[in-house]
Amino acid sequence: MTSVGALLAVYDEHMRGVEPEPPAGVRYERDGPLLRVAGWHRGYISGPRDIGLSGAELDRLIARQRDYFAARGQAVGWPVCAHDQLPAATIAE
């Protein structure tokens, strides 16, 4: 029997991974723990389950992504999953 954790690890590897080389017209850029994908009809941001940042550092990372895609005039998607590790300050008590 396969554990839930093992299934989630396979899901993360498949969904958070990208092709080693971007397609023509698409750029991969790293910003800390995140991968930005720019050049499609809309941008895309992918990151690990645990970004490893909180507070002002996390706020700056998020603002950089917003500003980057706004400067390109491009919508952006940044999917998160229920099993992602959210910074403690974002979890309501």
N, C-alpha and C. Protein backbone atom coordinates (compact mmCIF):
# COMPACT_ATOMS: atom_id res chain seq x y z
N MET A 1 0.84 -1.18 0.00
CA MET A 1 0.00 0.00 0.00
C MET A 1 0.89 1.25 0.00
N THR A 2 0.52 2.23 -0.77
CA THR A 2 1.27 3.48 -0.87
C THR A 2 0.75 4.47 0.17
N SER A 3 1.67 5.15 0.86
CA SER A 3 1.25 6.10 1.89
C SER A 3 0.84 7.42 1.24
N VAL A 4 0.05 8.18 1.97
CA VAL A 4 -0.36 9.51 1.52
C VAL A 4 0.87 10.38 1.29
N GLY A 5 1.83 10.31 2.20
CA GLY A 5 3.05 11.10 2.06
C GLY A 5 3.80 10.78 0.78
N ALA A 6 3.86 9.50 0.42
CA ALA A 6 4.55 9.10 -0.81
C ALA A 6 3.80 9.63 -2.03
N LEU A 7 2.48 9.57 -2.00
CA LEU A 7 1.69 10.09 -3.12
C LEU A 7 1.86 11.61 -3.26
N LEU A 8 1.87 12.31 -2.14
CA LEU A 8 2.07 13.75 -2.19
C LEU A 8 3.45 14.11 -2.71
N ALA A 9 4.47 13.33 -2.37
CA ALA A 9 5.82 13.58 -2.88
C ALA A 9 5.86 13.42 -4.39
N VAL A 10 5.20 12.41 -4.93
CA VAL A 10 5.16 12.21 -6.38
C VAL A 10 4.39 13.35 -7.03
N TYR A 11 3.28 13.74 -6.42
CA TYR A 11 2.49 14.88 -6.93
C TYR A 11 3.35 16.14 -6.97
N ASP A 12 4.05 16.44 -5.88
CA ASP A 12 4.90 17.63 -5.83
C ASP A 12 5.97 17.59 -6.91
N GLU A 13 6.61 16.45 -7.08
CA GLU A 13 7.66 16.33 -8.09
C GLU A 13 7.10 16.60 -9.49
N HIS A 14 5.93 16.07 -9.75
CA HIS A 14 5.32 16.24 -11.07
C HIS A 14 4.79 17.67 -11.28
N MET A 15 4.09 18.20 -10.31
CA MET A 15 3.42 19.49 -10.47
C MET A 15 4.36 20.69 -10.29
N ARG A 16 5.38 20.54 -9.48
CA ARG A 16 6.28 21.67 -9.21
C ARG A 16 7.51 21.64 -10.11
N GLY A 17 7.66 20.58 -10.84
CA GLY A 17 8.81 20.47 -11.72
C GLY A 17 8.56 21.18 -13.05
N VAL A 18 9.62 21.48 -13.73
CA VAL A 18 9.52 22.08 -15.06
C VAL A 18 10.50 21.38 -15.98
N GLU A 19 10.30 21.53 -17.26
CA GLU A 19 11.23 20.96 -18.23
C GLU A 19 12.62 21.56 -18.00
N PRO A 20 13.68 20.78 -18.21
CA PRO A 20 15.03 21.32 -17.99
C PRO A 20 15.33 22.56 -18.84
N GLU A 21 14.82 22.59 -20.05
CA GLU A 21 15.01 23.74 -20.92
C GLU A 21 13.65 24.35 -21.23
N PRO A 22 13.50 25.65 -21.06
CA PRO A 22 12.20 26.25 -21.35
C PRO A 22 11.89 26.22 -22.84
N PRO A 23 10.60 26.17 -23.18
CA PRO A 23 10.22 26.25 -24.59
C PRO A 23 10.65 27.60 -25.18
N ALA A 24 10.67 27.68 -26.50
CA ALA A 24 11.04 28.93 -27.17
C ALA A 24 10.15 30.07 -26.68
N GLY A 25 10.76 31.20 -26.37
CA GLY A 25 10.03 32.37 -25.92
C GLY A 25 9.69 32.40 -24.44
N VAL A 26 10.08 31.36 -23.71
CA VAL A 26 9.79 31.26 -22.28
C VAL A 26 11.10 31.35 -21.52
N ARG A 27 11.07 32.06 -20.38
CA ARG A 27 12.26 32.21 -19.54
C ARG A 27 12.00 31.64 -18.16
N TYR A 28 13.00 30.97 -17.62
CA TYR A 28 12.99 30.54 -16.23
C TYR A 28 13.91 31.47 -15.46
N GLU A 29 13.45 31.95 -14.33
CA GLU A 29 14.28 32.81 -13.48
C GLU A 29 14.09 32.39 -12.03
N ARG A 30 15.16 32.33 -11.30
CA ARG A 30 15.11 32.02 -9.87
C ARG A 30 15.07 33.32 -9.07
N ASP A 31 14.25 33.33 -8.05
CA ASP A 31 14.23 34.41 -7.07
C ASP A 31 14.15 33.73 -5.71
N GLY A 32 15.29 33.55 -5.09
CA GLY A 32 15.34 32.82 -3.82
C GLY A 32 14.84 31.40 -4.05
N PRO A 33 13.86 30.95 -3.25
CA PRO A 33 13.38 29.58 -3.38
C PRO A 33 12.37 29.40 -4.52
N LEU A 34 12.01 30.48 -5.19
CA LEU A 34 10.97 30.41 -6.22
C LEU A 34 11.55 30.30 -7.62
N LEU A 35 10.75 29.73 -8.49
CA LEU A 35 11.05 29.70 -9.92
C LEU A 35 9.95 30.49 -10.62
N ARG A 36 10.34 31.54 -11.33
CA ARG A 36 9.40 32.31 -12.15
C ARG A 36 9.48 31.79 -13.57
N VAL A 37 8.32 31.63 -14.18
CA VAL A 37 8.24 31.23 -15.58
C VAL A 37 7.53 32.37 -16.30
N ALA A 38 8.23 33.02 -17.20
CA ALA A 38 7.70 34.18 -17.90
C ALA A 38 7.78 33.95 -19.41
N GLY A 39 6.79 34.50 -20.12
CA GLY A 39 6.83 34.43 -21.57
C GLY A 39 5.62 33.74 -22.17
N TRP A 40 4.85 33.02 -21.38
CA TRP A 40 3.60 32.47 -21.86
C TRP A 40 2.55 33.56 -21.85
N HIS A 41 1.30 33.19 -22.11
CA HIS A 41 0.22 34.18 -22.06
C HIS A 41 0.02 34.72 -20.65
N ARG A 42 0.48 34.00 -19.66
CA ARG A 42 0.49 34.47 -18.28
C ARG A 42 1.69 33.86 -17.57
N GLY A 43 2.15 34.54 -16.54
CA GLY A 43 3.30 34.05 -15.80
C GLY A 43 2.91 32.93 -14.84
N TYR A 44 3.91 32.29 -14.31
CA TYR A 44 3.70 31.19 -13.39
C TYR A 44 4.82 31.20 -12.37
N ILE A 45 4.48 30.94 -11.12
CA ILE A 45 5.47 30.87 -10.05
C ILE A 45 5.36 29.50 -9.40
N SER A 46 6.49 28.87 -9.20
CA SER A 46 6.53 27.58 -8.54
C SER A 46 7.55 27.65 -7.42
N GLY A 47 7.26 26.95 -6.34
CA GLY A 47 8.19 26.92 -5.22
C GLY A 47 8.05 25.64 -4.44
N PRO A 48 8.95 25.42 -3.51
CA PRO A 48 8.88 24.22 -2.68
C PRO A 48 7.70 24.30 -1.70
N ARG A 49 7.39 23.19 -1.09
CA ARG A 49 6.30 23.15 -0.10
C ARG A 49 6.55 24.13 1.04
N ASP A 50 7.80 24.27 1.42
CA ASP A 50 8.16 25.19 2.49
C ASP A 50 9.14 26.21 1.92
N ILE A 51 8.70 27.43 1.76
CA ILE A 51 9.54 28.47 1.17
C ILE A 51 10.68 28.84 2.12
N GLY A 52 10.47 28.66 3.41
CA GLY A 52 11.53 28.92 4.38
C GLY A 52 11.66 30.37 4.79
N LEU A 53 10.68 31.18 4.46
CA LEU A 53 10.71 32.60 4.82
C LEU A 53 9.45 32.95 5.59
N SER A 54 9.54 34.03 6.36
CA SER A 54 8.35 34.53 7.05
C SER A 54 8.54 36.03 7.29
N GLY A 55 7.50 36.66 7.78
CA GLY A 55 7.56 38.08 8.13
C GLY A 55 7.94 38.96 6.96
N ALA A 56 8.81 39.93 7.24
CA ALA A 56 9.19 40.94 6.25
C ALA A 56 9.90 40.30 5.05
N GLU A 57 10.68 39.24 5.28
CA GLU A 57 11.36 38.56 4.16
C GLU A 57 10.35 37.98 3.18
N LEU A 58 9.33 37.35 3.71
CA LEU A 58 8.28 36.77 2.86
C LEU A 58 7.51 37.88 2.15
N ASP A 59 7.20 38.94 2.85
CA ASP A 59 6.50 40.08 2.24
C ASP A 59 7.29 40.64 1.06
N ARG A 60 8.61 40.77 1.22
CA ARG A 60 9.44 41.30 0.12
C ARG A 60 9.47 40.34 -1.07
N LEU A 61 9.55 39.04 -0.79
CA LEU A 61 9.55 38.06 -1.87
C LEU A 61 8.25 38.14 -2.67
N ILE A 62 7.14 38.21 -1.97
CA ILE A 62 5.84 38.30 -2.64
C ILE A 62 5.75 39.60 -3.44
N ALA A 63 6.17 40.71 -2.86
CA ALA A 63 6.12 42.00 -3.55
C ALA A 63 6.97 41.99 -4.81
N ARG A 64 8.13 41.33 -4.77
CA ARG A 64 8.98 41.25 -5.97
C ARG A 64 8.27 40.51 -7.10
N GLN A 65 7.55 39.45 -6.75
CA GLN A 65 6.84 38.70 -7.79
C GLN A 65 5.73 39.56 -8.39
N ARG A 66 4.97 40.21 -7.53
CA ARG A 66 3.90 41.09 -7.99
C ARG A 66 4.45 42.17 -8.91
N ASP A 67 5.52 42.83 -8.47
CA ASP A 67 6.09 43.93 -9.24
C ASP A 67 6.70 43.46 -10.55
N TYR A 68 7.34 42.30 -10.53
CA TYR A 68 7.97 41.75 -11.73
C TYR A 68 6.92 41.54 -12.83
N PHE A 69 5.85 40.84 -12.48
CA PHE A 69 4.84 40.54 -13.50
C PHE A 69 4.00 41.76 -13.85
N ALA A 70 3.80 42.66 -12.91
CA ALA A 70 3.09 43.92 -13.22
C ALA A 70 3.89 44.73 -14.23
N ALA A 71 5.21 44.78 -14.07
CA ALA A 71 6.05 45.52 -15.01
C ALA A 71 5.99 44.91 -16.41
N ARG A 72 5.73 43.62 -16.50
CA ARG A 72 5.59 42.94 -17.79
C ARG A 72 4.18 43.07 -18.34
N GLY A 73 3.25 43.59 -17.51
CA GLY A 73 1.85 43.67 -17.92
C GLY A 73 1.24 42.29 -18.08
N GLN A 74 1.67 41.38 -17.23
CA GLN A 74 1.31 39.97 -17.37
C GLN A 74 0.63 39.46 -16.11
N ALA A 75 -0.47 38.75 -16.30
CA ALA A 75 -1.11 38.07 -15.18
C ALA A 75 -0.19 36.94 -14.72
N VAL A 76 -0.38 36.51 -13.48
CA VAL A 76 0.49 35.46 -12.95
C VAL A 76 -0.32 34.51 -12.07
N GLY A 77 0.05 33.25 -12.11
CA GLY A 77 -0.53 32.25 -11.24
C GLY A 77 0.53 31.72 -10.29
N TRP A 78 0.15 31.56 -9.03
CA TRP A 78 1.06 31.01 -8.02
C TRP A 78 0.25 30.01 -7.20
N PRO A 79 0.12 28.80 -7.71
CA PRO A 79 -0.72 27.83 -7.01
C PRO A 79 -0.07 27.36 -5.71
N VAL A 80 -0.89 27.15 -4.72
CA VAL A 80 -0.45 26.53 -3.47
C VAL A 80 -1.35 25.33 -3.21
N CYS A 81 -0.84 24.39 -2.48
CA CYS A 81 -1.57 23.16 -2.20
C CYS A 81 -1.89 23.08 -0.71
N ALA A 82 -2.88 22.31 -0.40
CA ALA A 82 -3.32 22.16 1.00
C ALA A 82 -2.20 21.61 1.89
N HIS A 83 -1.27 20.86 1.33
CA HIS A 83 -0.19 20.28 2.14
C HIS A 83 1.07 21.15 2.16
N ASP A 84 1.03 22.34 1.57
CA ASP A 84 2.17 23.25 1.65
C ASP A 84 2.36 23.73 3.09
N GLN A 85 3.59 24.07 3.41
CA GLN A 85 3.92 24.57 4.76
C GLN A 85 3.80 26.08 4.76
N LEU A 86 2.76 26.60 5.38
CA LEU A 86 2.58 28.04 5.45
C LEU A 86 3.35 28.59 6.65
N PRO A 87 3.90 29.80 6.51
CA PRO A 87 4.56 30.42 7.67
C PRO A 87 3.57 30.51 8.84
N ALA A 88 4.06 30.30 10.04
CA ALA A 88 3.19 30.28 11.22
C ALA A 88 2.36 31.54 11.34
N ALA A 89 2.89 32.70 10.95
CA ALA A 89 2.17 33.96 11.09
C ALA A 89 0.94 34.02 10.18
N THR A 90 0.86 33.18 9.15
CA THR A 90 -0.28 33.23 8.23
C THR A 90 -1.41 32.29 8.65
N ILE A 91 -1.17 31.46 9.65
CA ILE A 91 -2.17 30.50 10.07
C ILE A 91 -3.00 31.11 11.19
N ALA A 92 -4.32 31.18 10.94
CA ALA A 92 -5.22 31.75 11.94
C ALA A 92 -5.34 30.78 13.12
N GLU A 93 -5.36 31.36 14.30
CA GLU A 93 -5.48 30.51 15.50
C GLU A 93 -6.92 30.38 15.90
